[in-house]
Structures are given as C-alpha cells and as structure tokens.
C-alpha cells in the first residue's frame, strides 16, 4: 500500500541519498530514486524541515518515499 506523510522531518540518520527520518510518527526512507522538490537531500538531512511526500510502504510500515517536497511555509 501507498502512504502519504506531512510534517517535520526529525531523527534524521544516514547520508544522502539514503536517509531515514520520522514524520508524524511514521518512518520514512529515501534513496537514489527519491525526487526532492523545492529542497535538497542535504536540507532534509539537517532535520526539522517541514516536508510532505508519499511512497509505498513495506511490511514493517516504513514509507519508501518516491517524492519529498518542502511544505510551503511563511519564509
């Protein structure tokens, strides 16, 4: 099944393009096929970025993000 996520990227680990982070209690992973929109993998790696995206989930409920994009903020 696919899942959507939206919120702050926290608890970021790994090195680009292979990151693991938590968004609203869901574990999200990225890899070389993940598309980053309006922010870079390095931006996400710093943590605390407001992000949204979606991707298929594996049997343990981890979301393998197809896309990660910056949530439009007030900056």
PDB file of N, CA and C in Angstrom:
ATOM      1  N   UNK A   1       0.829  -1.211   0.000  1.00  0.00           N
ATOM      2  CA  UNK A   1       0.000   0.000   0.000  1.00  0.00           C
ATOM      3  C   UNK A   1       0.862   1.260   0.000  1.00  0.00           C
ATOM      4  N   UNK A   2       0.288   2.340  -0.506  1.00  0.00           N
ATOM      5  CA  UNK A   2       0.994   3.617  -0.507  1.00  0.00           C
ATOM      6  C   UNK A   2       0.558   4.424   0.708  1.00  0.00           C
ATOM      7  N   UNK A   3       1.425   5.322   1.126  1.00  0.00           N
ATOM      8  CA  UNK A   3       1.092   6.190   2.253  1.00  0.00           C
ATOM      9  C   UNK A   3       1.616   7.588   1.980  1.00  0.00           C
ATOM     10  N   UNK A   4       0.916   8.568   2.531  1.00  0.00           N
ATOM     11  CA  UNK A   4       1.349   9.962   2.450  1.00  0.00           C
ATOM     12  C   UNK A   4       1.906  10.360   3.801  1.00  0.00           C
ATOM     13  N   UNK A   5       2.798  11.347   3.792  1.00  0.00           N
ATOM     14  CA  UNK A   5       3.302  11.879   5.054  1.00  0.00           C
ATOM     15  C   UNK A   5       3.428  13.384   4.940  1.00  0.00           C
ATOM     16  N   UNK A   6       3.307  14.060   6.075  1.00  0.00           N
ATOM     17  CA  UNK A   6       3.456  15.513   6.114  1.00  0.00           C
ATOM     18  C   UNK A   6       3.785  15.916   7.538  1.00  0.00           C
ATOM     19  N   UNK A   7       4.817  16.753   7.682  1.00  0.00           N
ATOM     20  CA  UNK A   7       5.223  17.211   9.000  1.00  0.00           C
ATOM     21  C   UNK A   7       6.708  17.505   9.013  1.00  0.00           C
ATOM     22  N   UNK A   8       7.254  17.705  10.207  1.00  0.00           N
ATOM     23  CA  UNK A   8       8.683  17.988  10.330  1.00  0.00           C
ATOM     24  C   UNK A   8       9.481  16.693  10.267  1.00  0.00           C
ATOM     25  N   UNK A   9      10.584  16.736   9.511  1.00  0.00           N
ATOM     26  CA  UNK A   9      11.490  15.592   9.437  1.00  0.00           C
ATOM     27  C   UNK A   9      12.377  15.605  10.677  1.00  0.00           C
ATOM     28  N   UNK A  10      12.242  14.599  11.527  1.00  0.00           N
ATOM     29  CA  UNK A  10      13.014  14.543  12.764  1.00  0.00           C
ATOM     30  C   UNK A  10      13.784  13.234  12.847  1.00  0.00           C
ATOM     31  N   UNK A  11      14.772  13.204  13.728  1.00  0.00           N
ATOM     32  CA  UNK A  11      15.547  11.988  13.943  1.00  0.00           C
ATOM     33  C   UNK A  11      16.223  11.492  12.690  1.00  0.00           C
ATOM     34  N   UNK A  12      16.753  12.429  11.890  1.00  0.00           N
ATOM     35  CA  UNK A  12      17.333  12.060  10.599  1.00  0.00           C
ATOM     36  C   UNK A  12      18.658  11.327  10.788  1.00  0.00           C
ATOM     37  N   UNK A  13      18.813  10.210  10.091  1.00  0.00           N
ATOM     38  CA  UNK A  13      20.075   9.483  10.097  1.00  0.00           C
ATOM     39  C   UNK A  13      20.406   9.057   8.676  1.00  0.00           C
ATOM     40  N   UNK A  14      21.647   8.627   8.483  1.00  0.00           N
ATOM     41  CA  UNK A  14      22.082   8.204   7.161  1.00  0.00           C
ATOM     42  C   UNK A  14      22.770   9.334   6.419  1.00  0.00           C
ATOM     43  N   UNK A  15      23.169   9.039   5.188  1.00  0.00           N
ATOM     44  CA  UNK A  15      23.822  10.023   4.326  1.00  0.00           C
ATOM     45  C   UNK A  15      23.106  10.045   2.989  1.00  0.00           C
ATOM     46  N   UNK A  16      23.008  11.238   2.426  1.00  0.00           N
ATOM     47  CA  UNK A  16      22.322  11.368   1.139  1.00  0.00           C
ATOM     48  C   UNK A  16      22.961  10.456   0.097  1.00  0.00           C
ATOM     49  N   UNK A  17      22.154   9.814  -0.731  1.00  0.00           N
ATOM     50  CA  UNK A  17      20.694   9.970  -0.815  1.00  0.00           C
ATOM     51  C   UNK A  17      19.913   9.021   0.099  1.00  0.00           C
ATOM     52  N   UNK A  18      20.639   8.260   0.929  1.00  0.00           N
ATOM     53  CA  UNK A  18      19.989   7.229   1.752  1.00  0.00           C
ATOM     54  C   UNK A  18      19.727   7.722   3.166  1.00  0.00           C
ATOM     55  N   UNK A  19      18.605   8.397   3.345  1.00  0.00           N
ATOM     56  CA  UNK A  19      18.237   8.929   4.653  1.00  0.00           C
ATOM     57  C   UNK A  19      17.111   8.110   5.274  1.00  0.00           C
ATOM     58  N   UNK A  20      17.063   8.147   6.595  1.00  0.00           N
ATOM     59  CA  UNK A  20      15.936   7.609   7.351  1.00  0.00           C
ATOM     60  C   UNK A  20      15.516   8.700   8.313  1.00  0.00           C
ATOM     61  N   UNK A  21      14.230   9.007   8.368  1.00  0.00           N
ATOM     62  CA  UNK A  21      13.755  10.027   9.300  1.00  0.00           C
ATOM     63  C   UNK A  21      12.306   9.734   9.676  1.00  0.00           C
ATOM     64  N   UNK A  22      11.827  10.472  10.661  1.00  0.00           N
ATOM     65  CA  UNK A  22      10.467  10.286  11.153  1.00  0.00           C
ATOM     66  C   UNK A  22       9.640  11.523  10.833  1.00  0.00           C
ATOM     67  N   UNK A  23       8.437  11.317  10.335  1.00  0.00           N
ATOM     68  CA  UNK A  23       7.489  12.399  10.074  1.00  0.00           C
ATOM     69  C   UNK A  23       6.157  11.989  10.696  1.00  0.00           C
ATOM     70  N   UNK A  24       5.713  12.758  11.670  1.00  0.00           N
ATOM     71  CA  UNK A  24       4.427  12.487  12.331  1.00  0.00           C
ATOM     72  C   UNK A  24       4.309  11.029  12.776  1.00  0.00           C
ATOM     73  N   UNK A  25       5.394  10.499  13.327  1.00  0.00           N
ATOM     74  CA  UNK A  25       5.371   9.147  13.858  1.00  0.00           C
ATOM     75  C   UNK A  25       5.599   8.041  12.845  1.00  0.00           C
ATOM     76  N   UNK A  26       5.711   8.395  11.565  1.00  0.00           N
ATOM     77  CA  UNK A  26       5.968   7.395  10.525  1.00  0.00           C
ATOM     78  C   UNK A  26       7.433   7.442  10.129  1.00  0.00           C
ATOM     79  N   UNK A  27       8.031   6.268   9.937  1.00  0.00           N
ATOM     80  CA  UNK A  27       9.406   6.199   9.464  1.00  0.00           C
ATOM     81  C   UNK A  27       9.409   6.310   7.946  1.00  0.00           C
ATOM     82  N   UNK A  28      10.270   7.204   7.448  1.00  0.00           N
ATOM     83  CA  UNK A  28      10.388   7.444   6.010  1.00  0.00           C
ATOM     84  C   UNK A  28      11.838   7.199   5.610  1.00  0.00           C
ATOM     85  N   UNK A  29      12.054   6.517   4.496  1.00  0.00           N
ATOM     86  CA  UNK A  29      13.399   6.338   3.969  1.00  0.00           C
ATOM     87  C   UNK A  29      13.459   6.892   2.548  1.00  0.00           C
ATOM     88  N   UNK A  30      14.646   7.393   2.188  1.00  0.00           N
ATOM     89  CA  UNK A  30      14.875   7.881   0.830  1.00  0.00           C
ATOM     90  C   UNK A  30      16.047   7.116   0.228  1.00  0.00           C
ATOM     91  N   UNK A  31      16.120   7.119  -1.093  1.00  0.00           N
ATOM     92  CA  UNK A  31      17.250   6.508  -1.785  1.00  0.00           C
ATOM     93  C   UNK A  31      17.489   7.267  -3.085  1.00  0.00           C
ATOM     94  N   UNK A  32      18.339   6.719  -3.936  1.00  0.00           N
ATOM     95  CA  UNK A  32      18.726   7.453  -5.139  1.00  0.00           C
ATOM     96  C   UNK A  32      17.568   7.706  -6.093  1.00  0.00           C
ATOM     97  N   UNK A  33      16.468   6.980  -5.932  1.00  0.00           N
ATOM     98  CA  UNK A  33      15.326   7.197  -6.828  1.00  0.00           C
ATOM     99  C   UNK A  33      14.328   8.222  -6.285  1.00  0.00           C
ATOM    100  N   UNK A  34      14.534   8.674  -5.037  1.00  0.00           N
ATOM    101  CA  UNK A  34      13.622   9.659  -4.445  1.00  0.00           C
ATOM    102  C   UNK A  34      13.822  11.020  -5.104  1.00  0.00           C
ATOM    103  N   UNK A  35      12.726  11.661  -5.480  1.00  0.00           N
ATOM    104  CA  UNK A  35      12.783  13.012  -6.048  1.00  0.00           C
ATOM    105  C   UNK A  35      12.572  14.030  -4.929  1.00  0.00           C
ATOM    106  N   UNK A  36      13.483  14.989  -4.839  1.00  0.00           N
ATOM    107  CA  UNK A  36      13.349  16.071  -3.862  1.00  0.00           C
ATOM    108  C   UNK A  36      12.885  17.320  -4.595  1.00  0.00           C
ATOM    109  N   UNK A  37      11.799  17.937  -4.113  1.00  0.00           N
ATOM    110  CA  UNK A  37      11.242  19.125  -4.758  1.00  0.00           C
ATOM    111  C   UNK A  37      11.284  20.307  -3.806  1.00  0.00           C
ATOM    112  N   UNK A  38      11.820  21.421  -4.277  1.00  0.00           N
ATOM    113  CA  UNK A  38      11.880  22.680  -3.529  1.00  0.00           C
ATOM    114  C   UNK A  38      12.796  22.608  -2.314  1.00  0.00           C
ATOM    115  N   UNK A  39      13.548  21.529  -2.192  1.00  0.00           N
ATOM    116  CA  UNK A  39      14.589  21.424  -1.177  1.00  0.00           C
ATOM    117  C   UNK A  39      15.488  20.282  -1.609  1.00  0.00           C
ATOM    118  N   UNK A  40      16.680  20.246  -1.032  1.00  0.00           N
ATOM    119  CA  UNK A  40      17.631  19.208  -1.413  1.00  0.00           C
ATOM    120  C   UNK A  40      17.678  18.120  -0.349  1.00  0.00           C
ATOM    121  N   UNK A  41      18.291  17.019  -0.696  1.00  0.00           N
ATOM    122  CA  UNK A  41      18.502  15.956   0.278  1.00  0.00           C
ATOM    123  C   UNK A  41      19.291  16.507   1.463  1.00  0.00           C
ATOM    124  N   UNK A  42      20.294  17.348   1.188  1.00  0.00           N
ATOM    125  CA  UNK A  42      21.094  17.927   2.274  1.00  0.00           C
ATOM    126  C   UNK A  42      20.233  18.775   3.210  1.00  0.00           C
ATOM    127  N   UNK A  43      19.240  19.478   2.659  1.00  0.00           N
ATOM    128  CA  UNK A  43      18.327  20.259   3.506  1.00  0.00           C
ATOM    129  C   UNK A  43      17.588  19.328   4.467  1.00  0.00           C
ATOM    130  N   UNK A  44      17.078  18.221   3.940  1.00  0.00           N
ATOM    131  CA  UNK A  44      16.346  17.270   4.770  1.00  0.00           C
ATOM    132  C   UNK A  44      17.275  16.671   5.826  1.00  0.00           C
ATOM    133  N   UNK A  45      18.527  16.404   5.433  1.00  0.00           N
ATOM    134  CA  UNK A  45      19.488  15.770   6.337  1.00  0.00           C
ATOM    135  C   UNK A  45      19.765  16.613   7.580  1.00  0.00           C
ATOM    136  N   UNK A  46      19.571  17.924   7.477  1.00  0.00           N
ATOM    137  CA  UNK A  46      19.791  18.803   8.634  1.00  0.00           C
ATOM    138  C   UNK A  46      18.725  18.595   9.700  1.00  0.00           C
ATOM    139  N   UNK A  47      17.570  18.085   9.292  1.00  0.00           N
ATOM    140  CA  UNK A  47      16.485  17.823  10.233  1.00  0.00           C
ATOM    141  C   UNK A  47      15.626  19.049  10.470  1.00  0.00           C
ATOM    142  N   UNK A  48      14.418  18.802  10.929  1.00  0.00           N
ATOM    143  CA  UNK A  48      13.499  19.878  11.271  1.00  0.00           C
ATOM    144  C   UNK A  48      12.787  20.528  10.108  1.00  0.00           C
ATOM    145  N   UNK A  49      13.032  20.042   8.899  1.00  0.00           N
ATOM    146  CA  UNK A  49      12.393  20.639   7.727  1.00  0.00           C
ATOM    147  C   UNK A  49      10.929  20.205   7.641  1.00  0.00           C
ATOM    148  N   UNK A  50      10.028  21.157   7.305  1.00  0.00           N
ATOM    149  CA  UNK A  50       8.642  20.762   7.067  1.00  0.00           C
ATOM    150  C   UNK A  50       8.541  20.127   5.680  1.00  0.00           C
ATOM    151  N   UNK A  51       8.181  18.861   5.649  1.00  0.00           N
ATOM    152  CA  UNK A  51       8.148  18.129   4.386  1.00  0.00           C
ATOM    153  C   UNK A  51       6.825  17.384   4.222  1.00  0.00           C
ATOM    154  N   UNK A  52       6.544  17.043   2.983  1.00  0.00           N
ATOM    155  CA  UNK A  52       5.437  16.143   2.694  1.00  0.00           C
ATOM    156  C   UNK A  52       5.879  15.251   1.553  1.00  0.00           C
ATOM    157  N   UNK A  53       5.150  14.186   1.352  1.00  0.00           N
ATOM    158  CA  UNK A  53       5.504  13.277   0.274  1.00  0.00           C
ATOM    159  C   UNK A  53       4.681  12.019   0.364  1.00  0.00           C
ATOM    160  N   UNK A  54       5.076  11.031  -0.444  1.00  0.00           N
ATOM    161  CA  UNK A  54       4.355   9.768  -0.449  1.00  0.00           C
ATOM    162  C   UNK A  54       5.243   8.685  -1.023  1.00  0.00           C
ATOM    163  N   UNK A  55       4.799   7.464  -0.830  1.00  0.00           N
ATOM    164  CA  UNK A  55       5.522   6.331  -1.378  1.00  0.00           C
ATOM    165  C   UNK A  55       4.925   5.037  -0.885  1.00  0.00           C
ATOM    166  N   UNK A  56       5.397   3.930  -1.435  1.00  0.00           N
ATOM    167  CA  UNK A  56       4.908   2.631  -0.991  1.00  0.00           C
ATOM    168  C   UNK A  56       5.448   2.297   0.398  1.00  0.00           C
ATOM    169  N   UNK A  57       4.691   1.512   1.134  1.00  0.00           N
ATOM    170  CA  UNK A  57       5.140   1.062   2.447  1.00  0.00           C
ATOM    171  C   UNK A  57       5.563  -0.400   2.361  1.00  0.00           C
ATOM    172  N   UNK A  58       6.524  -0.762   3.216  1.00  0.00           N
ATOM    173  CA  UNK A  58       6.930  -2.161   3.264  1.00  0.00           C
ATOM    174  C   UNK A  58       6.181  -2.872   4.392  1.00  0.00           C
ATOM    175  N   UNK A  59       6.508  -4.134   4.618  1.00  0.00           N
ATOM    176  CA  UNK A  59       5.755  -4.943   5.583  1.00  0.00           C
ATOM    177  C   UNK A  59       5.869  -4.430   7.011  1.00  0.00           C
ATOM    178  N   UNK A  60       6.904  -3.633   7.292  1.00  0.00           N
ATOM    179  CA  UNK A  60       7.047  -3.080   8.642  1.00  0.00           C
ATOM    180  C   UNK A  60       6.484  -1.668   8.754  1.00  0.00           C
ATOM    181  N   UNK A  61       5.830  -1.189   7.681  1.00  0.00           N
ATOM    182  CA  UNK A  61       5.176   0.114   7.735  1.00  0.00           C
ATOM    183  C   UNK A  61       6.065   1.290   7.396  1.00  0.00           C
ATOM    184  N   UNK A  62       7.306   1.009   6.983  1.00  0.00           N
ATOM    185  CA  UNK A  62       8.221   2.082   6.588  1.00  0.00           C
ATOM    186  C   UNK A  62       7.816   2.596   5.209  1.00  0.00           C
ATOM    187  N   UNK A  63       7.780   3.932   5.073  1.00  0.00           N
ATOM    188  CA  UNK A  63       7.425   4.547   3.792  1.00  0.00           C
ATOM    189  C   UNK A  63       8.693   4.754   2.968  1.00  0.00           C
ATOM    190  N   UNK A  64       8.738   4.185   1.775  1.00  0.00           N
ATOM    191  CA  UNK A  64       9.861   4.368   0.856  1.00  0.00           C
ATOM    192  C   UNK A  64       9.481   5.511  -0.088  1.00  0.00           C
ATOM    193  N   UNK A  65       9.949   6.706   0.236  1.00  0.00           N
ATOM    194  CA  UNK A  65       9.458   7.911  -0.429  1.00  0.00           C
ATOM    195  C   UNK A  65       9.832   7.968  -1.906  1.00  0.00           C
ATOM    196  N   UNK A  66       8.814   8.148  -2.755  1.00  0.00           N
ATOM    197  CA  UNK A  66       9.037   8.429  -4.177  1.00  0.00           C
ATOM    198  C   UNK A  66       9.394   9.897  -4.337  1.00  0.00           C
ATOM    199  N   UNK A  67       8.757  10.725  -3.518  1.00  0.00           N
ATOM    200  CA  UNK A  67       8.956  12.167  -3.594  1.00  0.00           C
ATOM    201  C   UNK A  67       8.931  12.749  -2.187  1.00  0.00           C
ATOM    202  N   UNK A  68       9.818  13.724  -1.965  1.00  0.00           N
ATOM    203  CA  UNK A  68       9.830  14.501  -0.727  1.00  0.00           C
ATOM    204  C   UNK A  68       9.834  15.955  -1.157  1.00  0.00           C
ATOM    205  N   UNK A  69       8.863  16.727  -0.698  1.00  0.00           N
ATOM    206  CA  UNK A  69       8.849  18.133  -1.066  1.00  0.00           C
ATOM    207  C   UNK A  69       8.701  19.014   0.149  1.00  0.00           C
ATOM    208  N   UNK A  70       9.222  20.232  -0.003  1.00  0.00           N
ATOM    209  CA  UNK A  70       9.129  21.191   1.084  1.00  0.00           C
ATOM    210  C   UNK A  70       7.691  21.656   1.205  1.00  0.00           C
ATOM    211  N   UNK A  71       7.209  21.687   2.449  1.00  0.00           N
ATOM    212  CA  UNK A  71       5.881  22.232   2.703  1.00  0.00           C
ATOM    213  C   UNK A  71       6.009  23.749   2.641  1.00  0.00           C
ATOM    214  N   UNK A  72       5.145  24.371   1.881  1.00  0.00           N
ATOM    215  CA  UNK A  72       5.220  25.824   1.726  1.00  0.00           C
ATOM    216  C   UNK A  72       5.004  26.497   3.070  1.00  0.00           C
ATOM    217  N   UNK A  73       6.018  27.219   3.512  1.00  0.00           N
ATOM    218  CA  UNK A  73       5.922  27.891   4.801  1.00  0.00           C
ATOM    219  C   UNK A  73       5.814  29.385   4.630  1.00  0.00           C
ATOM    220  N   UNK A  74       6.099  30.110   5.675  1.00  0.00           N
ATOM    221  CA  UNK A  74       5.997  31.573   5.632  1.00  0.00           C
ATOM    222  C   UNK A  74       7.358  32.228   5.439  1.00  0.00           C
ATOM    223  N   UNK A  75       8.326  31.498   4.856  1.00  0.00           N
ATOM    224  CA  UNK A  75       9.669  32.066   4.774  1.00  0.00           C
ATOM    225  C   UNK A  75       9.846  32.933   3.595  1.00  0.00           C
TER     226      UNK A  75
END
